[in-house]
Amino acid sequence: MEIIDHNIQPREEWRTGVTTRMRFSALIGATQLTIFEQWCDPGLGAPVHCHPVEEVLTVINGNAEIWAEGGEGAIVTSGQSVVVRPGQRHKFRNCGLDQLHMQFTLASPIFEATFEDGTVLRRWVADQGKK
C-alpha cells in the first residue's frame, strides 16, 4: 500500500487567480487516471476545452457555473459532481464571492486538453522529455 501525502504536494499557478495541485498521475505511478485540485478566485476558472477521456468535475467548496456542450449551464455547489464525456467541450468558472475549490478526475494517467484555438496541453507525463 502506498500512502500519498497531499499536504506536501506543491501548488502551481496555471493562470492568474487559478492554482492547481496534482494529486495522482503518471508522474507518481498512475496507470489509469489523473486526479488534481484547483482553487479559483471569483469570476475565474477554465476556458472552453475538451479531453479525449471521461472527466468528473467535483465541487469541494464554493459555487461553480459549469457548461458542457449539448446542454445548458448549471450552478454546481459543494458536494456535487458533473460527468463530462470524452471529446465533449466544457468550461467552468467560479460564480461565487469566495474562492472555489474543485477536484477533477480524468480517465487517463496524464492530463491532456484541447482548447478552442487548437492548442493541446499535456501535463503530468511520466517521462517529461516526451511531452
Protein backbone atom coordinates (compact mmCIF):
# COMPACT_ATOMS: atom_id res chain seq x y z
CA MET A 1 0.00 0.00 0.00
CA GLU A 2 1.29 3.41 -0.95
CA ILE A 3 0.35 6.49 1.06
CA ILE A 4 0.49 9.84 -0.74
CA ASP A 5 0.67 12.95 1.45
CA HIS A 6 -1.25 15.60 -0.49
CA ASN A 7 -0.32 18.22 2.10
CA ILE A 8 3.27 18.25 0.81
CA GLN A 9 2.40 18.23 -2.90
CA PRO A 10 3.08 21.69 -4.36
CA ARG A 11 0.51 24.04 -5.83
CA GLU A 12 1.28 25.94 -9.00
CA GLU A 13 -0.39 28.86 -10.72
CA TRP A 14 -1.81 27.72 -14.09
CA ARG A 15 -3.49 31.01 -14.90
CA THR A 16 -3.73 34.24 -12.95
CA GLY A 17 -6.02 33.54 -9.97
CA VAL A 18 -6.11 29.77 -10.58
CA THR A 19 -3.79 27.42 -8.68
CA THR A 20 -3.52 23.66 -9.18
CA ARG A 21 -2.21 20.71 -7.20
CA MET A 22 -1.68 17.38 -8.91
CA ARG A 23 -2.75 14.59 -6.54
CA PHE A 24 -2.18 11.49 -8.66
CA SER A 25 -0.93 11.00 -12.22
CA ALA A 26 1.66 9.20 -14.33
CA LEU A 27 4.28 11.34 -12.59
CA ILE A 28 3.86 9.29 -9.44
CA GLY A 29 2.92 5.95 -10.91
CA ALA A 30 -0.73 6.16 -12.04
CA THR A 31 -1.65 3.89 -14.94
CA GLN A 32 -5.38 4.64 -15.36
CA LEU A 33 -6.28 8.09 -14.02
CA THR A 34 -5.29 11.61 -13.07
CA ILE A 35 -6.65 13.42 -10.04
CA PHE A 36 -5.97 17.10 -9.42
CA GLU A 37 -7.42 20.05 -7.50
CA GLN A 38 -7.88 23.68 -8.44
CA TRP A 39 -8.56 26.82 -6.43
CA CYS A 40 -10.12 29.66 -8.44
CA ASP A 41 -10.68 33.26 -7.44
CA PRO A 42 -14.16 34.75 -8.05
CA GLY A 43 -15.01 35.01 -11.74
CA LEU A 44 -12.16 32.73 -12.82
CA GLY A 45 -11.99 29.12 -13.98
CA ALA A 46 -11.18 27.27 -17.20
CA PRO A 47 -11.98 28.30 -20.78
CA VAL A 48 -13.76 26.04 -23.27
CA HIS A 49 -11.76 22.85 -23.81
CA CYS A 50 -12.17 19.08 -24.16
CA HIS A 51 -10.34 15.91 -23.17
CA PRO A 52 -10.01 12.63 -25.09
CA VAL A 53 -11.27 10.77 -21.99
CA GLU A 54 -14.12 10.99 -19.49
CA GLU A 55 -13.76 13.56 -16.69
CA VAL A 56 -15.55 14.08 -13.39
CA LEU A 57 -15.62 17.66 -12.01
CA THR A 58 -16.42 17.82 -8.29
CA VAL A 59 -17.03 21.00 -6.29
CA ILE A 60 -15.36 20.71 -2.88
CA ASN A 61 -16.17 24.26 -1.67
CA GLY A 62 -17.91 27.15 -3.37
CA ASN A 63 -20.15 27.57 -6.40
CA ALA A 64 -19.18 26.79 -9.97
CA GLU A 65 -21.04 27.63 -13.14
CA ILE A 66 -20.34 24.67 -15.41
CA TRP A 67 -21.28 24.40 -19.08
CA ALA A 68 -20.95 21.24 -21.20
CA GLU A 69 -21.65 21.03 -24.92
CA GLY A 70 -25.09 19.69 -25.70
CA GLY A 71 -26.71 21.07 -22.57
CA GLU A 72 -27.37 24.21 -20.61
CA GLY A 73 -25.05 25.59 -17.98
CA ALA A 74 -25.74 24.84 -14.33
CA ILE A 75 -24.66 26.08 -10.93
CA VAL A 76 -22.89 23.24 -9.13
CA THR A 77 -22.27 23.51 -5.39
CA SER A 78 -20.22 21.78 -2.68
CA GLY A 79 -20.62 18.02 -2.75
CA GLN A 80 -21.91 17.88 -6.34
CA SER A 81 -20.19 16.49 -9.45
CA VAL A 82 -20.60 16.72 -13.22
CA VAL A 83 -19.53 13.97 -15.62
CA VAL A 84 -18.14 15.12 -18.97
CA ARG A 85 -18.00 12.66 -21.87
CA PRO A 86 -14.80 12.13 -23.90
CA GLY A 87 -14.48 14.90 -26.51
CA GLN A 88 -17.30 16.97 -25.00
CA ARG A 89 -16.41 20.66 -24.92
CA HIS A 90 -16.89 22.24 -21.48
CA LYS A 91 -15.85 25.13 -19.25
CA PHE A 92 -16.37 26.35 -15.71
CA ARG A 93 -15.96 29.46 -13.63
CA ASN A 94 -16.27 30.50 -10.02
CA CYS A 95 -19.65 32.23 -9.81
CA GLY A 96 -19.43 32.84 -6.07
CA LEU A 97 -17.85 35.51 -3.90
CA ASP A 98 -15.35 33.20 -2.17
CA GLN A 99 -12.58 31.04 -3.58
CA LEU A 100 -13.80 27.96 -5.48
CA HIS A 101 -12.13 24.61 -4.67
CA MET A 102 -12.68 21.75 -7.13
CA GLN A 103 -11.33 18.26 -7.73
CA PHE A 104 -11.00 16.71 -11.20
CA THR A 105 -10.63 13.07 -12.16
CA LEU A 106 -9.60 12.09 -15.68
CA ALA A 107 -9.70 8.52 -17.03
CA SER A 108 -6.05 8.76 -18.11
CA PRO A 109 -2.77 8.92 -16.19
CA ILE A 110 -1.86 12.19 -17.96
CA PHE A 111 -3.76 15.44 -18.35
CA GLU A 112 -4.48 16.29 -21.97
CA ALA A 113 -6.78 19.11 -23.07
CA THR A 114 -7.53 20.70 -26.42
CA PHE A 115 -8.63 24.34 -26.38
CA GLU A 116 -10.77 26.22 -28.92
CA ASP A 117 -7.72 27.74 -30.63
CA GLY A 118 -6.36 24.22 -31.29
CA THR A 119 -3.72 24.36 -28.56
CA VAL A 120 -3.11 20.98 -26.93
CA LEU A 121 -1.81 20.93 -23.36
CA ARG A 122 -0.29 17.77 -21.89
CA ARG A 123 0.66 17.68 -18.20
CA TRP A 124 1.98 15.19 -15.68
CA VAL A 125 3.56 12.85 -18.19
CA ALA A 126 5.81 10.21 -16.55
CA ASP A 127 8.71 10.95 -18.90
CA GLN A 128 8.72 14.75 -19.08
CA GLY A 129 11.03 14.58 -22.11
CA LYS A 130 8.21 13.08 -24.19
CA LYS A 131 5.57 15.82 -23.79
